[in-house]
Amino acid sequence: MFVALNLDSAEITEAQIVKGKITYLWTVLVDSKAKALKGYGELPNDIAQTLDSYIDPLLKIIDEIS
């Protein structure tokens, strides 16, 4: 197809790959916070706080990388 349409292939840099993976990780983490899990049922307050206490530092690291 590229030859037939005389197209150039795009190069993907390592930075683009890393940013894509960081974005994916951020999405997974945000969707794993206690508020986002309410659709599956209410979490007890102590479990919600414990869960968020693990996720929040990871989100901070991703924010610093970005």
PDB file of N, CA and C in Angstrom:
ATOM      1  N   MET A   1       0.821  -1.179   0.000  1.00  0.00           N
ATOM      2  CA  MET A   1       0.000   0.000   0.000  1.00  0.00           C
ATOM      3  C   MET A   1       0.880   1.264   0.000  1.00  0.00           C
ATOM      4  N   PHE A   2       1.944   1.251   0.805  1.00  0.00           N
ATOM      5  CA  PHE A   2       2.820   2.415   0.855  1.00  0.00           C
ATOM      6  C   PHE A   2       3.469   2.681  -0.501  1.00  0.00           C
ATOM      7  N   VAL A   3       3.896   1.619  -1.173  1.00  0.00           N
ATOM      8  CA  VAL A   3       4.536   1.766  -2.481  1.00  0.00           C
ATOM      9  C   VAL A   3       3.519   2.230  -3.512  1.00  0.00           C
ATOM     10  N   ALA A   4       2.352   1.615  -3.510  1.00  0.00           N
ATOM     11  CA  ALA A   4       1.322   1.945  -4.497  1.00  0.00           C
ATOM     12  C   ALA A   4       0.857   3.390  -4.369  1.00  0.00           C
ATOM     13  N   LEU A   5       0.790   3.889  -3.178  1.00  0.00           N
ATOM     14  CA  LEU A   5       0.316   5.257  -2.950  1.00  0.00           C
ATOM     15  C   LEU A   5       1.452   6.256  -2.742  1.00  0.00           C
ATOM     16  N   ASN A   6       2.690   5.752  -2.880  1.00  0.00           N
ATOM     17  CA  ASN A   6       3.869   6.596  -2.736  1.00  0.00           C
ATOM     18  C   ASN A   6       3.883   7.338  -1.390  1.00  0.00           C
ATOM     19  N   LEU A   7       3.665   6.567  -0.316  1.00  0.00           N
ATOM     20  CA  LEU A   7       3.640   7.134   1.028  1.00  0.00           C
ATOM     21  C   LEU A   7       4.948   6.870   1.755  1.00  0.00           C
ATOM     22  N   ASP A   8       5.295   7.769   2.644  1.00  0.00           N
ATOM     23  CA  ASP A   8       6.455   7.570   3.507  1.00  0.00           C
ATOM     24  C   ASP A   8       5.963   7.018   4.834  1.00  0.00           C
ATOM     25  N   SER A   9       6.704   6.081   5.394  1.00  0.00           N
ATOM     26  CA  SER A   9       6.327   5.554   6.704  1.00  0.00           C
ATOM     27  C   SER A   9       6.771   6.532   7.784  1.00  0.00           C
ATOM     28  N   ALA A  10       6.017   6.595   8.835  1.00  0.00           N
ATOM     29  CA  ALA A  10       6.337   7.500   9.947  1.00  0.00           C
ATOM     30  C   ALA A  10       7.285   6.798  10.908  1.00  0.00           C
ATOM     31  N   GLU A  11       8.213   7.551  11.435  1.00  0.00           N
ATOM     32  CA  GLU A  11       9.126   7.007  12.425  1.00  0.00           C
ATOM     33  C   GLU A  11       8.578   7.311  13.807  1.00  0.00           C
ATOM     34  N   ILE A  12       8.661   6.332  14.677  1.00  0.00           N
ATOM     35  CA  ILE A  12       8.216   6.511  16.049  1.00  0.00           C
ATOM     36  C   ILE A  12       9.457   6.587  16.933  1.00  0.00           C
ATOM     37  N   THR A  13       9.529   7.651  17.714  1.00  0.00           N
ATOM     38  CA  THR A  13      10.691   7.830  18.587  1.00  0.00           C
ATOM     39  C   THR A  13      10.465   7.105  19.917  1.00  0.00           C
ATOM     40  N   GLU A  14      11.543   6.885  20.626  1.00  0.00           N
ATOM     41  CA  GLU A  14      11.438   6.266  21.951  1.00  0.00           C
ATOM     42  C   GLU A  14      10.602   7.126  22.879  1.00  0.00           C
ATOM     43  N   ALA A  15      10.730   8.425  22.763  1.00  0.00           N
ATOM     44  CA  ALA A  15       9.959   9.339  23.615  1.00  0.00           C
ATOM     45  C   ALA A  15       8.461   9.156  23.375  1.00  0.00           C
ATOM     46  N   GLN A  16       8.054   8.976  22.136  1.00  0.00           N
ATOM     47  CA  GLN A  16       6.642   8.757  21.832  1.00  0.00           C
ATOM     48  C   GLN A  16       6.154   7.440  22.431  1.00  0.00           C
ATOM     49  N   ILE A  17       6.969   6.424  22.383  1.00  0.00           N
ATOM     50  CA  ILE A  17       6.603   5.123  22.950  1.00  0.00           C
ATOM     51  C   ILE A  17       6.447   5.237  24.462  1.00  0.00           C
ATOM     52  N   VAL A  18       7.409   5.893  25.111  1.00  0.00           N
ATOM     53  CA  VAL A  18       7.364   6.054  26.563  1.00  0.00           C
ATOM     54  C   VAL A  18       6.144   6.879  26.967  1.00  0.00           C
ATOM     55  N   LYS A  19       5.874   7.968  26.258  1.00  0.00           N
ATOM     56  CA  LYS A  19       4.704   8.795  26.575  1.00  0.00           C
ATOM     57  C   LYS A  19       3.418   8.007  26.425  1.00  0.00           C
ATOM     58  N   GLY A  20       3.339   7.167  25.410  1.00  0.00           N
ATOM     59  CA  GLY A  20       2.161   6.336  25.224  1.00  0.00           C
ATOM     60  C   GLY A  20       1.960   5.361  26.371  1.00  0.00           C
ATOM     61  N   LYS A  21       3.048   4.758  26.823  1.00  0.00           N
ATOM     62  CA  LYS A  21       2.956   3.799  27.936  1.00  0.00           C
ATOM     63  C   LYS A  21       2.627   4.513  29.247  1.00  0.00           C
ATOM     64  N   ILE A  22       3.190   5.696  29.450  1.00  0.00           N
ATOM     65  CA  ILE A  22       2.894   6.471  30.655  1.00  0.00           C
ATOM     66  C   ILE A  22       1.413   6.866  30.661  1.00  0.00           C
ATOM     67  N   THR A  23       0.899   7.268  29.508  1.00  0.00           N
ATOM     68  CA  THR A  23      -0.509   7.636  29.411  1.00  0.00           C
ATOM     69  C   THR A  23      -1.398   6.445  29.747  1.00  0.00           C
ATOM     70  N   TYR A  24      -1.028   5.274  29.258  1.00  0.00           N
ATOM     71  CA  TYR A  24      -1.788   4.063  29.552  1.00  0.00           C
ATOM     72  C   TYR A  24      -1.758   3.760  31.052  1.00  0.00           C
ATOM     73  N   LEU A  25      -0.581   3.842  31.665  1.00  0.00           N
ATOM     74  CA  LEU A  25      -0.456   3.595  33.106  1.00  0.00           C
ATOM     75  C   LEU A  25      -1.280   4.594  33.912  1.00  0.00           C
ATOM     76  N   TRP A  26      -1.246   5.849  33.506  1.00  0.00           N
ATOM     77  CA  TRP A  26      -2.021   6.878  34.191  1.00  0.00           C
ATOM     78  C   TRP A  26      -3.504   6.539  34.138  1.00  0.00           C
ATOM     79  N   THR A  27      -3.981   6.127  32.975  1.00  0.00           N
ATOM     80  CA  THR A  27      -5.386   5.766  32.814  1.00  0.00           C
ATOM     81  C   THR A  27      -5.769   4.599  33.708  1.00  0.00           C
ATOM     82  N   VAL A  28      -4.930   3.569  33.757  1.00  0.00           N
ATOM     83  CA  VAL A  28      -5.206   2.405  34.604  1.00  0.00           C
ATOM     84  C   VAL A  28      -5.259   2.822  36.068  1.00  0.00           C
ATOM     85  N   LEU A  29      -4.315   3.648  36.496  1.00  0.00           N
ATOM     86  CA  LEU A  29      -4.275   4.077  37.892  1.00  0.00           C
ATOM     87  C   LEU A  29      -5.477   4.948  38.264  1.00  0.00           C
ATOM     88  N   VAL A  30      -5.813   5.897  37.420  1.00  0.00           N
ATOM     89  CA  VAL A  30      -6.960   6.765  37.695  1.00  0.00           C
ATOM     90  C   VAL A  30      -8.245   5.942  37.769  1.00  0.00           C
ATOM     91  N   ASP A  31      -8.376   4.981  36.883  1.00  0.00           N
ATOM     92  CA  ASP A  31      -9.563   4.122  36.883  1.00  0.00           C
ATOM     93  C   ASP A  31      -9.580   3.141  38.044  1.00  0.00           C
ATOM     94  N   SER A  32      -8.475   3.009  38.761  1.00  0.00           N
ATOM     95  CA  SER A  32      -8.386   2.093  39.899  1.00  0.00           C
ATOM     96  C   SER A  32      -8.601   2.790  41.240  1.00  0.00           C
ATOM     97  N   LYS A  33      -8.745   4.104  41.220  1.00  0.00           N
ATOM     98  CA  LYS A  33      -8.990   4.826  42.462  1.00  0.00           C
ATOM     99  C   LYS A  33     -10.382   4.480  42.989  1.00  0.00           C
ATOM    100  N   ALA A  34     -10.572   4.649  44.288  1.00  0.00           N
ATOM    101  CA  ALA A  34     -11.815   4.250  44.950  1.00  0.00           C
ATOM    102  C   ALA A  34     -13.044   4.906  44.317  1.00  0.00           C
ATOM    103  N   LYS A  35     -12.956   6.180  43.981  1.00  0.00           N
ATOM    104  CA  LYS A  35     -14.096   6.873  43.366  1.00  0.00           C
ATOM    105  C   LYS A  35     -14.486   6.236  42.042  1.00  0.00           C
ATOM    106  N   ALA A  36     -13.498   5.846  41.262  1.00  0.00           N
ATOM    107  CA  ALA A  36     -13.765   5.272  39.944  1.00  0.00           C
ATOM    108  C   ALA A  36     -14.346   3.868  40.039  1.00  0.00           C
ATOM    109  N   LEU A  37     -14.134   3.209  41.155  1.00  0.00           N
ATOM    110  CA  LEU A  37     -14.620   1.841  41.325  1.00  0.00           C
ATOM    111  C   LEU A  37     -16.035   1.781  41.892  1.00  0.00           C
ATOM    112  N   LYS A  38     -16.655   2.931  42.146  1.00  0.00           N
ATOM    113  CA  LYS A  38     -18.002   2.948  42.721  1.00  0.00           C
ATOM    114  C   LYS A  38     -19.020   2.234  41.834  1.00  0.00           C
ATOM    115  N   GLY A  39     -18.769   2.174  40.552  1.00  0.00           N
ATOM    116  CA  GLY A  39     -19.677   1.471  39.651  1.00  0.00           C
ATOM    117  C   GLY A  39     -19.754  -0.017  39.939  1.00  0.00           C
ATOM    118  N   TYR A  40     -18.772  -0.524  40.649  1.00  0.00           N
ATOM    119  CA  TYR A  40     -18.743  -1.941  41.009  1.00  0.00           C
ATOM    120  C   TYR A  40     -19.288  -2.170  42.419  1.00  0.00           C
ATOM    121  N   GLY A  41     -19.683  -1.096  43.081  1.00  0.00           N
ATOM    122  CA  GLY A  41     -20.188  -1.193  44.450  1.00  0.00           C
ATOM    123  C   GLY A  41     -19.368  -0.308  45.368  1.00  0.00           C
ATOM    124  N   GLU A  42     -19.955   0.050  46.484  1.00  0.00           N
ATOM    125  CA  GLU A  42     -19.280   0.919  47.443  1.00  0.00           C
ATOM    126  C   GLU A  42     -18.158   0.169  48.165  1.00  0.00           C
ATOM    127  N   LEU A  43     -17.043   0.836  48.316  1.00  0.00           N
ATOM    128  CA  LEU A  43     -15.942   0.303  49.114  1.00  0.00           C
ATOM    129  C   LEU A  43     -16.044   0.878  50.522  1.00  0.00           C
ATOM    130  N   PRO A  44     -15.767   0.073  51.525  1.00  0.00           N
ATOM    131  CA  PRO A  44     -15.693   0.642  52.875  1.00  0.00           C
ATOM    132  C   PRO A  44     -14.628   1.740  52.921  1.00  0.00           C
ATOM    133  N   ASN A  45     -14.865   2.752  53.739  1.00  0.00           N
ATOM    134  CA  ASN A  45     -13.971   3.914  53.801  1.00  0.00           C
ATOM    135  C   ASN A  45     -12.516   3.545  54.048  1.00  0.00           C
ATOM    136  N   ASP A  46     -12.261   2.623  54.963  1.00  0.00           N
ATOM    137  CA  ASP A  46     -10.872   2.281  55.276  1.00  0.00           C
ATOM    138  C   ASP A  46     -10.181   1.609  54.093  1.00  0.00           C
ATOM    139  N   ILE A  47     -10.909   0.776  53.366  1.00  0.00           N
ATOM    140  CA  ILE A  47     -10.323   0.121  52.186  1.00  0.00           C
ATOM    141  C   ILE A  47     -10.111   1.136  51.070  1.00  0.00           C
ATOM    142  N   ALA A  48     -11.060   2.046  50.901  1.00  0.00           N
ATOM    143  CA  ALA A  48     -10.931   3.082  49.869  1.00  0.00           C
ATOM    144  C   ALA A  48      -9.701   3.946  50.134  1.00  0.00           C
ATOM    145  N   GLN A  49      -9.502   4.326  51.395  1.00  0.00           N
ATOM    146  CA  GLN A  49      -8.339   5.153  51.751  1.00  0.00           C
ATOM    147  C   GLN A  49      -7.040   4.384  51.551  1.00  0.00           C
ATOM    148  N   THR A  50      -7.044   3.101  51.910  1.00  0.00           N
ATOM    149  CA  THR A  50      -5.838   2.287  51.723  1.00  0.00           C
ATOM    150  C   THR A  50      -5.518   2.151  50.243  1.00  0.00           C
ATOM    151  N   LEU A  51      -6.532   1.877  49.444  1.00  0.00           N
ATOM    152  CA  LEU A  51      -6.335   1.735  47.999  1.00  0.00           C
ATOM    153  C   LEU A  51      -5.766   3.016  47.406  1.00  0.00           C
ATOM    154  N   ASP A  52      -6.390   4.135  47.746  1.00  0.00           N
ATOM    155  CA  ASP A  52      -5.918   5.418  47.213  1.00  0.00           C
ATOM    156  C   ASP A  52      -4.525   5.773  47.730  1.00  0.00           C
ATOM    157  N   SER A  53      -4.176   5.311  48.934  1.00  0.00           N
ATOM    158  CA  SER A  53      -2.838   5.608  49.464  1.00  0.00           C
ATOM    159  C   SER A  53      -1.741   4.886  48.684  1.00  0.00           C
ATOM    160  N   TYR A  54      -2.091   3.799  48.021  1.00  0.00           N
ATOM    161  CA  TYR A  54      -1.131   3.111  47.147  1.00  0.00           C
ATOM    162  C   TYR A  54      -1.085   3.768  45.764  1.00  0.00           C
ATOM    163  N   ILE A  55      -2.223   4.200  45.282  1.00  0.00           N
ATOM    164  CA  ILE A  55      -2.315   4.722  43.917  1.00  0.00           C
ATOM    165  C   ILE A  55      -1.800   6.154  43.804  1.00  0.00           C
ATOM    166  N   ASP A  56      -2.101   6.996  44.792  1.00  0.00           N
ATOM    167  CA  ASP A  56      -1.717   8.416  44.718  1.00  0.00           C
ATOM    168  C   ASP A  56      -0.210   8.639  44.531  1.00  0.00           C
ATOM    169  N   PRO A  57       0.668   7.942  45.272  1.00  0.00           N
ATOM    170  CA  PRO A  57       2.106   8.142  45.028  1.00  0.00           C
ATOM    171  C   PRO A  57       2.542   7.727  43.621  1.00  0.00           C
ATOM    172  N   LEU A  58       1.907   6.693  43.089  1.00  0.00           N
ATOM    173  CA  LEU A  58       2.241   6.263  41.727  1.00  0.00           C
ATOM    174  C   LEU A  58       1.815   7.318  40.717  1.00  0.00           C
ATOM    175  N   LEU A  59       0.651   7.914  40.924  1.00  0.00           N
ATOM    176  CA  LEU A  59       0.204   8.996  40.043  1.00  0.00           C
ATOM    177  C   LEU A  59       1.136  10.201  40.134  1.00  0.00           C
ATOM    178  N   LYS A  60       1.649  10.450  41.325  1.00  0.00           N
ATOM    179  CA  LYS A  60       2.594  11.574  41.507  1.00  0.00           C
ATOM    180  C   LYS A  60       3.881  11.307  40.722  1.00  0.00           C
ATOM    181  N   ILE A  61       4.349  10.081  40.745  1.00  0.00           N
ATOM    182  CA  ILE A  61       5.566   9.730  39.990  1.00  0.00           C
ATOM    183  C   ILE A  61       5.328   9.918  38.500  1.00  0.00           C
ATOM    184  N   ILE A  62       4.184   9.470  38.019  1.00  0.00           N
ATOM    185  CA  ILE A  62       3.872   9.619  36.594  1.00  0.00           C
ATOM    186  C   ILE A  62       3.764  11.099  36.237  1.00  0.00           C
ATOM    187  N   ASP A  63       3.178  11.893  37.128  1.00  0.00           N
ATOM    188  CA  ASP A  63       3.070  13.335  36.892  1.00  0.00           C
ATOM    189  C   ASP A  63       4.464  13.968  36.801  1.00  0.00           C
ATOM    190  N   GLU A  64       5.387  13.522  37.642  1.00  0.00           N
ATOM    191  CA  GLU A  64       6.750  14.061  37.615  1.00  0.00           C
ATOM    192  C   GLU A  64       7.483  13.651  36.343  1.00  0.00           C
ATOM    193  N   ILE A  65       7.218  12.442  35.859  1.00  0.00           N
ATOM    194  CA  ILE A  65       7.855  11.981  34.616  1.00  0.00           C
ATOM    195  C   ILE A  65       7.351  12.795  33.428  1.00  0.00           C
ATOM    196  N   SER A  66       6.052  13.080  33.452  1.00  0.00           N
ATOM    197  CA  SER A  66       5.457  13.830  32.338  1.00  0.00           C
ATOM    198  C   SER A  66       5.965  15.230  32.371  1.00  0.00           C
TER     199      SER A  66
END
